[in-house]
Amino acid sequence: MPNTTTIFTGGSVLVDLNLGGDEATMSDALAVQGHTIVALGDDAKALMNEPGAEVIDLEGGVLTPALGEGHAHPLLAGFETLGPAVREASDLDGILDAVREWKASHPEDEWIVGASYDATFAEGGLFDARWLDEVTGDTPTILRAWDYHTAWVNTAALRAGDITSETPDPELGRYVRRADGSPMGTLQETAANNFLAEVVPPYSLDTRVGALEHATRVYARQGTTWVQDAWVDPENIEVYLAAARADRLHARVNMAFRADPALWREQVAEFSAARAAVRELGHERLSGETIKFFLDGVVESHTAALIAPYADRPDERGILNWSVDELELAMRAFAEAGFQLHLHAIGDAANRHALDGLEAIADITTPERPHVIAHVALLHPDDVQRFGELGVVANFEPYWAQCDAVMRDLTIPHLGHDREGQQYLIRSVLESGATVSFGSDWPVTTEDWRPALATAIDRRDPSEAESTPWLPEERVSARQAYAGYTTGIARQALAPERGTLTVGSTADLVWLSENPTEIDVAKIAGVQVHGTWLAGHRTH
C-alpha cells in the first residue's frame, strides 16, 4: 500500500474508552499514513494540505476503533447460504416448508444439507426423522440446530449412516431414541459432528472458499476487522490457506484448531505444522495461533457439564469431554508449543474444569499470551474471582444475556430457578479484574454486534424496550460493553497495537453514524456503519 495520508474530520473520534476514568478520550480529527495512525486533532488537520492527502468528511458521525469478534464460525455461517432457509422459519411447519421448497427447486441434489433450525419448535428440542421424511422422501437430509451441537436427520440419512436400533451411541455423543429403541432422528454432540464429517459428502474447495469469503464480507460491512474462528478441523485449514492466497478474506481471521480428546498427542505436531504453513504464507489477514477445546456441550441438550444434576433430569450431569488428567496434559502440551488456548465451557462444572486446567499451567502462561474461556454461560459463585486471579480472558456472547424463548422454555427448566441467576455474569467477571471480550457464536445467533451491545448494557431484547431486564445486577456500562469488542478483543487477539485510536496504533477504524457509547441504548441497534478500514485499507 502506498504511504498516502488520509485525514478524517468533520465529526468526532473515539480515541480511547478510558475505562478507568470518568470520560472517554475524544478528538475531532485523525490522520492515517499507510497502516498506522500518525496524528490526532490539530496535528491531523495540519496534514490536510500535504500533496495527495485524502480527506474524509465524517458528516457529523464518529470514528471509533474497529470491532472484533471473539468467537464465531464463519465457515458454518457461509454454509447456511447453501441450503434451505430453515433459520427463517417461525415454527416446525415453516422448517418443513423450507425443506420442501428446496427439494423441489434442487431435484438433482443427492443430499439436502441445511442449518440452523430453532430447537424450541419441538418438545425438549427432539425432532423425529419421520417428519422430514414427509417432505424429503428418499433424499438423505441433515439439518443442524442453531446450537450446532445437535442435528436432525431423516430416515434415508440414518440408513446412509448405518444407524439402527443396535448401533451404540458414539463416545461423547447420543442418538436420541424412541421408546422402542429405534433412532428418533435427533443426533447430539459427536453423534452429529461425526455424522457430518464421515457420512455427509463435503462441499468442494471452491464452494467452501466462497462461503468463507461471503462471511468475511458480512463482517466488513458491520465494522468488524478481526474474527476468531473457534472451530477449525484439519480438513478446513486448506480452505483458509486458499482464501488467503486468493485475497478473498475481507477481515482478519485467526484459526482455532480443534483438539480431539482421542488424537491430541498427534495433533500437537500436526497443528504446529499448520501454524508454520500459515506463518510462511505471511498473509496479514490469516493466523493460526489458537487451539480449541470443547469441554462440554450445551444446556438445551442436557450435554453441558454441571456440578449438580439437571433440575428435570436428576440422574444427569451432562457430558464432560475431557478427564481432569488428560485435559491438563493436553493444555500443557499445546501451551508449551506456543499456542493460545480457547476453551468452550457452558456448564459450571466445565468452567471449573477450565479454570483448574489454566491454574495448573500458570507456570507457563504469560500476560502477553492469555488464554480464553468462551461462553462462561453458567458459573458457580466460588469461581468468579478466579478469572481475575488467573488473568483469563472471559469471552461472553452478550446477546445470550436475556430471557428469550430458549432461556425461558429450555435453559431455565433444565437448570432450575436456583441456578438461573448464575448465568452470564459479565459484570461480576469484569469486577474480578479479568479481561472480557465479546463475540456472537455466529451462526448460532446474529453476527450483528449492535443488538448484542445493547443486550449487554440492558440485559433484555433490544426490540422489547418495555420488557423487564433479566438479572439487571449484571448489566455493564456502554463503555465497558464497547470495550468487549475493542480493547478486550485486542488482548484476546494478542494485538496490543489495536483496540484504540492512539497515535502509533494500527489503523483499524469504523465510521458510525452515532457514538454507541453515548446514545440511548434503545437507539444502538439503529446505528449505521458508513465505512470500515483494516490497517488503513478500506474494506467497506
Protein backbone atom coordinates (compact mmCIF):
# COMPACT_ATOMS: atom_id res chain seq x y z
CA MET A 1 0.00 0.00 0.00
CA PRO A 2 1.44 3.47 -0.83
CA ASN A 3 2.26 5.58 2.23
CA THR A 4 -0.52 8.07 1.47
CA THR A 5 -2.14 10.23 4.13
CA THR A 6 -5.84 10.05 4.94
CA ILE A 7 -7.40 12.56 7.33
CA PHE A 8 -10.77 12.04 8.98
CA THR A 9 -12.53 15.19 10.13
CA GLY A 10 -16.00 16.71 10.34
CA GLY A 11 -17.12 14.57 13.27
CA SER A 12 -15.78 13.06 16.46
CA VAL A 13 -13.08 10.47 17.06
CA LEU A 14 -13.33 8.00 19.94
CA VAL A 15 -9.64 7.63 20.70
CA ASP A 16 -9.73 5.61 23.90
CA LEU A 17 -12.56 4.37 26.10
CA ASN A 18 -10.56 5.33 29.22
CA LEU A 19 -12.32 2.75 31.37
CA GLY A 20 -10.51 3.91 34.47
CA GLY A 21 -11.75 7.50 34.19
CA ASP A 22 -14.97 9.46 34.02
CA GLU A 23 -14.90 10.26 30.30
CA ALA A 24 -13.60 8.67 27.12
CA THR A 25 -10.72 10.34 25.27
CA MET A 26 -12.12 12.14 22.22
CA SER A 27 -10.71 14.14 19.32
CA ASP A 28 -12.07 15.94 16.27
CA ALA A 29 -9.65 14.63 13.64
CA LEU A 30 -7.38 11.67 12.92
CA ALA A 31 -4.70 11.02 10.30
CA VAL A 32 -3.51 7.73 8.88
CA GLN A 33 -0.39 7.00 6.85
CA GLY A 34 -0.16 3.52 5.42
CA HIS A 35 -1.23 1.11 8.14
CA THR A 36 -0.75 3.43 11.11
CA ILE A 37 -2.45 6.29 12.94
CA VAL A 38 0.03 9.18 12.87
CA ALA A 39 -1.78 12.21 14.29
CA LEU A 40 -4.87 13.45 16.13
CA GLY A 41 -6.67 16.78 16.44
CA ASP A 42 -4.86 19.85 15.10
CA ASP A 43 -1.81 17.75 14.22
CA ALA A 44 -4.01 15.65 11.95
CA LYS A 45 -5.67 18.70 10.38
CA ALA A 46 -2.24 20.18 9.62
CA LEU A 47 -1.63 17.26 7.25
CA MET A 48 -4.65 18.10 5.09
CA ASN A 49 -2.54 20.23 2.75
CA GLU A 50 0.01 17.51 2.06
CA PRO A 51 0.26 16.58 -1.65
CA GLY A 52 -2.07 13.68 -2.39
CA ALA A 53 -3.73 13.73 1.01
CA GLU A 54 -7.28 12.33 1.12
CA VAL A 55 -9.80 13.98 3.42
CA ILE A 56 -12.84 12.04 4.57
CA ASP A 57 -15.72 14.05 5.99
CA LEU A 58 -17.34 12.12 8.84
CA GLU A 59 -20.53 14.15 8.29
CA GLY A 60 -21.17 14.51 11.99
CA GLY A 61 -20.62 10.83 12.72
CA VAL A 62 -17.99 9.17 14.88
CA LEU A 63 -14.80 7.27 14.09
CA THR A 64 -14.07 4.50 16.59
CA PRO A 65 -11.73 1.53 16.84
CA ALA A 66 -12.96 -1.24 14.56
CA LEU A 67 -14.71 -4.07 16.32
CA GLY A 68 -13.61 -7.64 16.79
CA GLU A 69 -15.44 -10.95 17.00
CA GLY A 70 -14.16 -13.13 19.85
CA HIS A 71 -15.92 -16.39 18.99
CA ALA A 72 -17.65 -17.37 15.75
CA HIS A 73 -17.81 -19.94 12.99
CA PRO A 74 -17.67 -18.02 9.71
CA LEU A 75 -17.40 -21.11 7.52
CA LEU A 76 -20.53 -22.59 9.07
CA ALA A 77 -22.29 -19.25 8.62
CA GLY A 78 -21.33 -19.23 4.97
CA PHE A 79 -22.59 -22.78 4.54
CA GLU A 80 -26.04 -21.73 5.76
CA THR A 81 -26.49 -19.84 2.50
CA LEU A 82 -26.02 -23.09 0.55
CA GLY A 83 -29.10 -24.93 1.81
CA PRO A 84 -32.78 -24.48 2.72
CA ALA A 85 -33.56 -21.32 4.69
CA VAL A 86 -34.66 -23.12 7.84
CA ARG A 87 -33.38 -20.35 10.13
CA GLU A 88 -36.09 -18.04 8.82
CA ALA A 89 -38.88 -20.43 9.85
CA SER A 90 -41.14 -19.38 12.71
CA ASP A 91 -42.41 -22.87 13.55
CA LEU A 92 -41.98 -26.54 12.69
CA ASP A 93 -44.20 -26.29 9.63
CA GLY A 94 -42.04 -23.43 8.40
CA ILE A 95 -38.93 -25.63 8.59
CA LEU A 96 -40.65 -28.38 6.64
CA ASP A 97 -41.91 -25.90 4.05
CA ALA A 98 -38.38 -24.56 3.51
CA VAL A 99 -37.02 -28.08 3.02
CA ARG A 100 -39.89 -28.99 0.67
CA GLU A 101 -39.22 -25.90 -1.44
CA TRP A 102 -35.50 -26.62 -1.56
CA LYS A 103 -36.06 -30.19 -2.74
CA ALA A 104 -38.47 -29.00 -5.43
CA SER A 105 -36.00 -26.43 -6.75
CA HIS A 106 -32.92 -28.70 -6.45
CA PRO A 107 -34.18 -32.11 -7.61
CA GLU A 108 -30.68 -33.15 -8.69
CA ASP A 109 -29.17 -32.81 -5.19
CA GLU A 110 -28.05 -36.15 -3.75
CA TRP A 111 -28.23 -34.73 -0.22
CA ILE A 112 -30.11 -31.88 1.44
CA VAL A 113 -27.92 -30.10 3.99
CA GLY A 114 -29.17 -27.10 5.94
CA ALA A 115 -28.94 -25.05 9.13
CA SER A 116 -29.97 -23.85 11.57
CA TYR A 117 -33.40 -24.66 13.00
CA ASP A 118 -34.91 -23.41 16.25
CA ALA A 119 -34.93 -26.29 18.73
CA THR A 120 -37.82 -24.80 20.70
CA PHE A 121 -40.19 -25.82 17.88
CA ALA A 122 -40.36 -29.40 19.25
CA GLU A 123 -40.82 -30.51 22.82
CA GLY A 124 -37.47 -30.89 24.54
CA GLY A 125 -35.69 -29.98 21.31
CA LEU A 126 -36.26 -33.52 19.98
CA PHE A 127 -37.15 -33.87 16.27
CA ASP A 128 -38.34 -37.01 14.52
CA ALA A 129 -36.91 -38.34 11.25
CA ARG A 130 -40.40 -39.18 10.05
CA TRP A 131 -41.38 -35.51 9.99
CA LEU A 132 -38.61 -34.86 7.47
CA ASP A 133 -39.48 -38.00 5.51
CA GLU A 134 -42.79 -36.41 4.53
CA VAL A 135 -41.04 -33.66 2.54
CA THR A 136 -37.75 -35.31 1.52
CA GLY A 137 -38.70 -38.84 0.57
CA ASP A 138 -35.58 -40.92 -0.05
CA THR A 139 -33.18 -37.96 -0.36
CA PRO A 140 -30.84 -38.12 2.65
CA THR A 141 -31.28 -34.93 4.67
CA ILE A 142 -29.48 -33.39 7.62
CA LEU A 143 -30.30 -30.09 9.33
CA ARG A 144 -28.20 -28.60 12.10
CA ALA A 145 -29.87 -26.93 15.06
CA TRP A 146 -28.92 -23.36 15.92
CA ASP A 147 -26.72 -24.62 18.77
CA TYR A 148 -24.54 -26.53 16.26
CA HIS A 149 -24.26 -29.33 18.83
CA THR A 150 -27.37 -31.09 17.50
CA ALA A 151 -28.60 -32.34 14.13
CA TRP A 152 -31.89 -33.64 12.77
CA VAL A 153 -31.81 -36.28 10.05
CA ASN A 154 -34.39 -38.18 8.03
CA THR A 155 -34.71 -41.94 7.68
CA ALA A 156 -32.69 -42.03 4.46
CA ALA A 157 -29.80 -40.31 6.23
CA LEU A 158 -29.99 -42.73 9.15
CA ARG A 159 -29.81 -45.53 6.59
CA ALA A 160 -26.82 -43.89 4.86
CA GLY A 161 -25.05 -43.70 8.22
CA ASP A 162 -25.98 -47.28 9.11
CA ILE A 163 -27.62 -46.10 12.33
CA THR A 164 -30.10 -48.64 13.66
CA SER A 165 -31.57 -49.77 16.96
CA GLU A 166 -28.45 -51.86 17.50
CA THR A 167 -25.98 -49.03 16.83
CA PRO A 168 -24.34 -47.96 20.11
CA ASP A 169 -24.02 -44.29 20.92
CA PRO A 170 -20.63 -42.87 19.97
CA GLU A 171 -18.31 -41.78 22.72
CA LEU A 172 -19.29 -38.29 23.94
CA GLY A 173 -22.48 -38.28 21.86
CA ARG A 174 -26.05 -39.57 21.74
CA TYR A 175 -28.52 -40.94 19.21
CA VAL A 176 -31.83 -39.92 20.75
CA ARG A 177 -34.11 -42.96 20.66
CA ARG A 178 -37.81 -43.67 20.62
CA ALA A 179 -39.38 -45.83 23.33
CA ASP A 180 -38.73 -48.96 21.24
CA GLY A 181 -35.01 -48.17 20.97
CA SER A 182 -35.06 -47.08 17.33
CA PRO A 183 -33.13 -43.91 16.46
CA MET A 184 -35.50 -40.95 16.52
CA GLY A 185 -33.55 -38.76 14.12
CA THR A 186 -32.03 -36.29 16.60
CA LEU A 187 -28.24 -36.58 16.93
CA GLN A 188 -26.39 -34.86 19.79
CA GLU A 189 -22.74 -33.79 20.15
CA THR A 190 -20.26 -36.20 18.49
CA ALA A 191 -23.15 -38.22 17.07
CA ALA A 192 -23.97 -35.14 14.95
CA ASN A 193 -20.41 -34.00 14.28
CA ASN A 194 -19.10 -37.43 13.31
CA PHE A 195 -22.07 -37.95 11.00
CA LEU A 196 -21.33 -34.71 9.20
CA ALA A 197 -17.63 -35.49 8.93
CA GLU A 198 -17.90 -39.15 7.94
CA VAL A 199 -21.23 -39.61 6.10
CA VAL A 200 -22.34 -36.33 4.52
CA PRO A 201 -20.48 -35.51 1.25
CA PRO A 202 -18.28 -32.40 1.68
CA TYR A 203 -18.62 -29.24 -0.36
CA SER A 204 -15.94 -28.59 -2.98
CA LEU A 205 -12.95 -26.46 -2.03
CA ASP A 206 -14.12 -23.61 -4.26
CA THR A 207 -17.58 -23.68 -2.68
CA ARG A 208 -16.07 -23.58 0.80
CA VAL A 209 -13.80 -20.66 -0.10
CA GLY A 210 -16.82 -18.81 -1.49
CA ALA A 211 -18.75 -19.42 1.73
CA LEU A 212 -15.85 -18.10 3.77
CA GLU A 213 -15.49 -15.02 1.59
CA HIS A 214 -19.21 -14.30 1.97
CA ALA A 215 -18.91 -14.43 5.76
CA THR A 216 -15.93 -12.10 5.90
CA ARG A 217 -17.72 -9.60 3.65
CA VAL A 218 -20.58 -9.62 6.17
CA TYR A 219 -18.08 -8.77 8.89
CA ALA A 220 -16.53 -5.95 6.88
CA ARG A 221 -19.95 -4.40 6.31
CA GLN A 222 -20.59 -4.17 10.04
CA GLY A 223 -17.20 -2.73 11.02
CA THR A 224 -15.52 -5.93 12.18
CA THR A 225 -11.86 -6.44 11.26
CA TRP A 226 -10.76 -9.45 13.37
CA VAL A 227 -12.56 -12.75 13.85
CA GLN A 228 -11.78 -15.79 15.98
CA ASP A 229 -12.90 -18.87 14.08
CA ALA A 230 -13.42 -21.03 17.13
CA TRP A 231 -13.65 -24.44 15.44
CA VAL A 232 -11.31 -25.39 12.62
CA ASP A 233 -10.91 -29.07 11.81
CA PRO A 234 -7.92 -30.23 9.74
CA GLU A 235 -9.91 -30.53 6.51
CA ASN A 236 -10.77 -26.82 6.60
CA ILE A 237 -7.25 -25.49 7.05
CA GLU A 238 -6.81 -25.70 3.27
CA VAL A 239 -9.91 -23.53 2.84
CA TYR A 240 -8.33 -20.69 4.77
CA LEU A 241 -4.99 -21.01 3.03
CA ALA A 242 -6.71 -20.98 -0.37
CA ALA A 243 -8.83 -17.94 0.56
CA ALA A 244 -5.77 -16.06 1.78
CA ARG A 245 -3.73 -16.87 -1.32
CA ALA A 246 -6.57 -15.56 -3.48
CA ASP A 247 -7.02 -12.43 -1.31
CA ARG A 248 -10.61 -13.42 -0.56
CA LEU A 249 -10.54 -12.63 3.17
CA HIS A 250 -12.18 -9.29 3.98
CA ALA A 251 -11.42 -9.45 7.69
CA ARG A 252 -8.56 -10.93 9.67
CA VAL A 253 -9.29 -14.46 10.84
CA ASN A 254 -7.42 -16.41 13.48
CA MET A 255 -7.99 -20.15 13.29
CA ALA A 256 -8.52 -22.18 16.45
CA PHE A 257 -7.64 -25.78 15.61
CA ARG A 258 -9.92 -28.25 17.42
CA ALA A 259 -8.16 -30.59 19.83
CA ASP A 260 -9.61 -34.08 19.78
CA PRO A 261 -9.58 -35.91 23.13
CA ALA A 262 -8.58 -39.13 21.34
CA LEU A 263 -5.98 -37.66 18.96
CA TRP A 264 -4.46 -34.65 20.67
CA ARG A 265 -0.98 -36.16 21.11
CA GLU A 266 -0.57 -36.48 17.34
CA GLN A 267 -2.26 -33.11 16.82
CA VAL A 268 0.44 -31.15 18.65
CA ALA A 269 2.81 -31.76 15.73
CA GLU A 270 0.03 -31.57 13.13
CA PHE A 271 -1.25 -28.18 14.28
CA SER A 272 2.27 -26.84 14.79
CA ALA A 273 2.93 -27.67 11.14
CA ALA A 274 -0.31 -25.98 10.10
CA ARG A 275 0.64 -22.86 12.04
CA ALA A 276 4.06 -22.89 10.36
CA ALA A 277 2.38 -23.07 6.95
CA VAL A 278 0.22 -20.06 7.80
CA ARG A 279 3.20 -18.09 9.04
CA GLU A 280 5.19 -18.99 5.95
CA LEU A 281 2.36 -17.74 3.75
CA GLY A 282 2.67 -14.44 5.62
CA HIS A 283 -0.78 -13.08 4.83
CA GLU A 284 -1.73 -10.28 7.22
CA ARG A 285 -5.35 -11.44 7.38
CA LEU A 286 -4.75 -15.05 8.38
CA SER A 287 -3.26 -16.57 11.50
CA GLY A 288 -3.45 -19.91 13.30
CA GLU A 289 -2.28 -19.27 16.84
CA THR A 290 -5.00 -20.95 18.87
CA ILE A 291 -6.21 -24.38 19.97
CA LYS A 292 -9.89 -25.02 20.66
CA PHE A 293 -11.02 -27.36 23.44
CA PHE A 294 -14.67 -28.41 23.69
CA LEU A 295 -15.04 -29.13 27.40
CA ASP A 296 -18.77 -29.85 27.29
CA GLY A 297 -21.94 -29.40 25.26
CA VAL A 298 -24.99 -27.17 25.76
CA VAL A 299 -27.66 -26.90 28.44
CA GLU A 300 -30.52 -27.22 25.98
CA SER A 301 -29.48 -30.81 25.09
CA HIS A 302 -28.54 -31.73 28.68
CA THR A 303 -24.93 -32.05 27.49
CA ALA A 304 -23.43 -29.07 29.33
CA ALA A 305 -21.41 -30.37 32.29
CA LEU A 306 -22.93 -29.40 35.64
CA ILE A 307 -21.67 -29.62 39.21
CA ALA A 308 -25.12 -30.69 40.44
CA PRO A 309 -27.67 -32.68 38.39
CA TYR A 310 -30.13 -31.12 35.96
CA ALA A 311 -33.35 -30.00 37.62
CA ASP A 312 -35.50 -32.00 35.21
CA ARG A 313 -33.15 -35.00 34.99
CA PRO A 314 -31.88 -35.76 38.49
CA ASP A 315 -29.65 -38.59 37.20
CA GLU A 316 -27.94 -36.43 34.56
CA ARG A 317 -24.99 -34.03 34.90
CA GLY A 318 -24.16 -33.65 31.20
CA ILE A 319 -21.09 -34.68 29.22
CA LEU A 320 -17.55 -33.72 30.20
CA ASN A 321 -15.41 -34.34 27.14
CA TRP A 322 -12.03 -34.43 28.87
CA SER A 323 -10.84 -36.13 32.04
CA VAL A 324 -9.01 -33.91 34.50
CA ASP A 325 -5.64 -35.54 33.84
CA GLU A 326 -5.96 -35.63 30.03
CA LEU A 327 -7.10 -32.02 29.87
CA GLU A 328 -4.14 -30.79 31.89
CA LEU A 329 -1.69 -32.84 29.84
CA ALA A 330 -3.14 -31.59 26.56
CA MET A 331 -3.35 -27.97 27.68
CA ARG A 332 0.26 -28.04 28.82
CA ALA A 333 1.47 -29.67 25.61
CA PHE A 334 -0.24 -27.13 23.35
CA ALA A 335 0.75 -24.19 25.57
CA GLU A 336 4.38 -25.33 25.59
CA ALA A 337 4.15 -25.45 21.78
CA GLY A 338 3.33 -21.73 21.89
CA PHE A 339 -0.42 -21.89 21.28
CA GLN A 340 -3.11 -19.81 22.93
CA LEU A 341 -5.90 -21.97 24.38
CA HIS A 342 -9.59 -21.31 23.71
CA LEU A 343 -11.84 -23.38 25.98
CA HIS A 344 -15.57 -23.87 25.28
CA ALA A 345 -17.23 -24.06 28.71
CA ILE A 346 -21.01 -23.81 29.15
CA GLY A 347 -21.83 -25.61 32.41
CA ASP A 348 -20.47 -24.66 35.82
CA ALA A 349 -18.52 -27.93 36.02
CA ALA A 350 -16.93 -27.22 32.63
CA ASN A 351 -15.98 -23.69 33.68
CA ARG A 352 -14.43 -25.01 36.88
CA HIS A 353 -12.64 -27.70 34.87
CA ALA A 354 -11.27 -25.00 32.54
CA LEU A 355 -10.11 -22.79 35.42
CA ASP A 356 -8.47 -25.73 37.16
CA GLY A 357 -6.58 -26.58 34.00
CA LEU A 358 -5.42 -23.00 33.49
CA GLU A 359 -4.31 -22.80 37.10
CA ALA A 360 -2.29 -25.97 36.59
CA ILE A 361 -0.38 -24.42 33.66
CA ALA A 362 0.00 -20.98 35.22
CA ASP A 363 3.76 -21.55 35.37
CA ILE A 364 3.99 -21.38 31.57
CA THR A 365 1.33 -18.68 30.99
CA THR A 366 2.29 -15.06 30.43
CA PRO A 367 0.17 -11.88 30.38
CA GLU A 368 1.26 -11.34 26.76
CA ARG A 369 -0.38 -14.64 25.69
CA PRO A 370 -3.53 -15.02 27.80
CA HIS A 371 -5.81 -17.99 27.40
CA VAL A 372 -9.55 -17.73 26.79
CA ILE A 373 -12.63 -19.37 28.29
CA ALA A 374 -15.52 -18.95 25.87
CA HIS A 375 -19.22 -18.59 26.71
CA VAL A 376 -18.94 -18.78 30.54
CA ALA A 377 -22.67 -19.46 30.48
CA LEU A 378 -23.17 -20.94 33.96
CA LEU A 379 -20.60 -20.00 36.58
CA HIS A 380 -20.54 -21.10 40.22
CA PRO A 381 -20.12 -18.07 42.52
CA ASP A 382 -16.97 -19.62 44.02
CA ASP A 383 -15.26 -19.42 40.61
CA VAL A 384 -15.93 -15.79 39.67
CA GLN A 385 -12.81 -14.29 41.25
CA ARG A 386 -10.58 -16.91 39.67
CA PHE A 387 -10.91 -15.25 36.25
CA GLY A 388 -9.13 -12.15 37.50
CA GLU A 389 -6.64 -14.07 39.62
CA LEU A 390 -5.57 -16.24 36.68
CA GLY A 391 -5.57 -13.45 34.07
CA VAL A 392 -8.07 -15.32 31.89
CA VAL A 393 -9.88 -13.63 29.01
CA ALA A 394 -13.60 -14.34 29.52
CA ASN A 395 -15.28 -14.39 26.14
CA PHE A 396 -19.03 -13.84 26.51
CA GLU A 397 -21.70 -13.85 23.82
CA PRO A 398 -23.70 -10.91 25.23
CA TYR A 399 -26.76 -11.40 23.04
CA TRP A 400 -27.48 -14.53 25.10
CA ALA A 401 -27.80 -12.46 28.31
CA GLN A 402 -31.58 -12.07 28.01
CA CYS A 403 -34.62 -14.14 28.94
CA ASP A 404 -35.72 -15.16 25.44
CA ALA A 405 -37.72 -18.21 24.36
CA VAL A 406 -34.72 -20.53 24.58
CA MET A 407 -33.88 -19.33 28.08
CA ARG A 408 -37.48 -19.49 29.21
CA ASP A 409 -38.55 -22.76 27.58
CA LEU A 410 -35.37 -24.86 27.68
CA THR A 411 -32.46 -23.45 29.68
CA ILE A 412 -34.13 -22.43 32.94
CA PRO A 413 -36.36 -25.55 33.15
CA HIS A 414 -33.26 -27.72 32.66
CA LEU A 415 -31.15 -25.84 35.22
CA GLY A 416 -33.81 -24.92 37.75
CA HIS A 417 -34.53 -21.45 39.11
CA ASP A 418 -31.90 -21.79 41.85
CA ARG A 419 -29.19 -21.59 39.16
CA GLU A 420 -30.89 -19.10 36.86
CA GLY A 421 -29.03 -16.20 38.46
CA GLN A 422 -25.61 -17.75 37.86
CA GLN A 423 -25.71 -17.17 34.11
CA TYR A 424 -23.67 -14.71 32.03
CA LEU A 425 -22.12 -12.91 34.99
CA ILE A 426 -20.45 -10.29 32.81
CA ARG A 427 -20.24 -7.53 35.40
CA SER A 428 -19.08 -9.86 38.16
CA VAL A 429 -16.29 -11.29 36.00
CA LEU A 430 -15.24 -7.77 34.97
CA GLU A 431 -15.09 -6.75 38.61
CA SER A 432 -12.81 -9.72 39.30
CA GLY A 433 -10.19 -7.86 37.25
CA ALA A 434 -10.43 -10.13 34.23
CA THR A 435 -10.43 -9.01 30.61
CA VAL A 436 -13.83 -9.51 28.99
CA SER A 437 -14.17 -9.91 25.24
CA PHE A 438 -17.37 -10.25 23.27
CA GLY A 439 -18.44 -12.48 20.41
CA SER A 440 -21.56 -13.80 18.75
CA ASP A 441 -21.01 -17.53 18.09
CA TRP A 442 -22.46 -16.75 14.65
CA PRO A 443 -24.32 -18.54 13.09
CA VAL A 444 -25.68 -19.78 16.43
CA THR A 445 -27.02 -16.24 16.89
CA THR A 446 -26.80 -12.99 14.95
CA GLU A 447 -23.37 -11.72 13.97
CA ASP A 448 -24.57 -8.12 14.42
CA TRP A 449 -22.75 -6.52 17.35
CA ARG A 450 -25.33 -3.74 17.75
CA PRO A 451 -28.22 -5.66 19.37
CA ALA A 452 -25.68 -7.68 21.34
CA LEU A 453 -24.05 -4.50 22.66
CA ALA A 454 -27.46 -3.21 23.71
CA THR A 455 -28.22 -6.50 25.45
CA ALA A 456 -25.02 -6.33 27.49
CA ILE A 457 -25.98 -2.84 28.64
CA ASP A 458 -29.67 -3.53 29.29
CA ARG A 459 -29.99 -7.35 29.75
CA ARG A 460 -33.09 -7.63 27.60
CA ASP A 461 -34.09 -7.98 23.97
CA PRO A 462 -33.38 -4.58 22.33
CA SER A 463 -36.62 -4.89 20.36
CA GLU A 464 -38.65 -5.18 23.57
CA ALA A 465 -37.87 -1.95 25.38
CA GLU A 466 -40.78 -2.36 27.79
CA SER A 467 -39.73 -5.82 28.97
CA THR A 468 -38.12 -6.42 32.36
CA PRO A 469 -34.31 -6.63 32.36
CA TRP A 470 -33.03 -10.11 33.18
CA LEU A 471 -30.52 -10.27 36.06
CA PRO A 472 -30.10 -6.46 35.94
CA GLU A 473 -27.31 -6.54 38.53
CA GLU A 474 -25.08 -7.97 35.77
CA ARG A 475 -25.57 -5.02 33.40
CA VAL A 476 -22.42 -3.17 32.31
CA SER A 477 -21.89 0.39 31.13
CA ALA A 478 -21.87 1.30 27.46
CA ARG A 479 -18.13 1.93 27.55
CA GLN A 480 -17.44 -1.38 29.27
CA ALA A 481 -19.59 -3.15 26.71
CA TYR A 482 -17.90 -1.46 23.75
CA ALA A 483 -14.53 -2.38 25.23
CA GLY A 484 -15.60 -6.01 24.95
CA TYR A 485 -15.46 -5.57 21.17
CA THR A 486 -12.35 -3.36 21.04
CA THR A 487 -9.73 -3.38 23.82
CA GLY A 488 -10.93 -6.74 25.12
CA ILE A 489 -10.64 -8.24 21.65
CA ALA A 490 -7.19 -6.69 21.17
CA ARG A 491 -5.94 -8.60 24.22
CA GLN A 492 -7.60 -11.82 23.10
CA ALA A 493 -6.14 -11.36 19.61
CA LEU A 494 -2.64 -10.85 21.05
CA ALA A 495 -2.60 -7.48 19.30
CA PRO A 496 -1.79 -4.64 21.72
CA GLU A 497 -1.37 -2.32 18.73
CA ARG A 498 -5.11 -2.46 18.09
CA GLY A 499 -8.24 -1.59 20.09
CA THR A 500 -7.63 2.16 20.45
CA LEU A 501 -7.04 5.05 18.04
CA THR A 502 -3.96 6.45 19.77
CA VAL A 503 -1.00 7.63 17.70
CA GLY A 504 1.08 4.65 16.66
CA SER A 505 -1.83 2.20 16.72
CA THR A 506 -2.83 0.13 13.69
CA ALA A 507 -5.48 1.96 11.66
CA ASP A 508 -8.39 -0.42 12.21
CA LEU A 509 -11.31 2.00 12.08
CA VAL A 510 -15.06 2.08 11.77
CA TRP A 511 -17.13 5.14 10.83
CA LEU A 512 -20.50 5.09 12.57
CA SER A 513 -23.48 7.40 12.31
CA GLU A 514 -23.57 7.86 16.10
CA ASN A 515 -21.39 7.11 19.11
CA PRO A 516 -22.82 3.87 20.58
CA THR A 517 -21.29 4.63 23.99
CA GLU A 518 -23.22 7.90 24.35
CA ILE A 519 -26.67 7.40 22.82
CA ASP A 520 -29.74 5.89 24.42
CA VAL A 521 -29.46 2.10 24.47
CA ALA A 522 -32.71 1.78 22.50
CA LYS A 523 -31.03 3.52 19.54
CA ILE A 524 -27.91 1.34 19.35
CA ALA A 525 -29.46 -1.26 17.05
CA GLY A 526 -30.09 1.52 14.50
CA VAL A 527 -26.52 2.84 14.35
CA GLN A 528 -25.33 2.83 10.72
CA VAL A 529 -21.90 1.70 9.55
CA HIS A 530 -20.59 4.12 6.91
CA GLY A 531 -17.10 2.69 6.47
CA THR A 532 -14.58 0.10 7.68
CA TRP A 533 -10.78 0.26 7.42
CA LEU A 534 -8.43 -2.63 8.14
CA ALA A 535 -4.84 -1.48 8.66
CA GLY A 536 -5.66 1.66 6.68
CA HIS A 537 -7.27 -0.24 3.78
CA ARG A 538 -10.98 0.36 3.24
CA THR A 539 -12.91 -2.92 3.32
CA HIS A 540 -16.40 -1.38 3.35
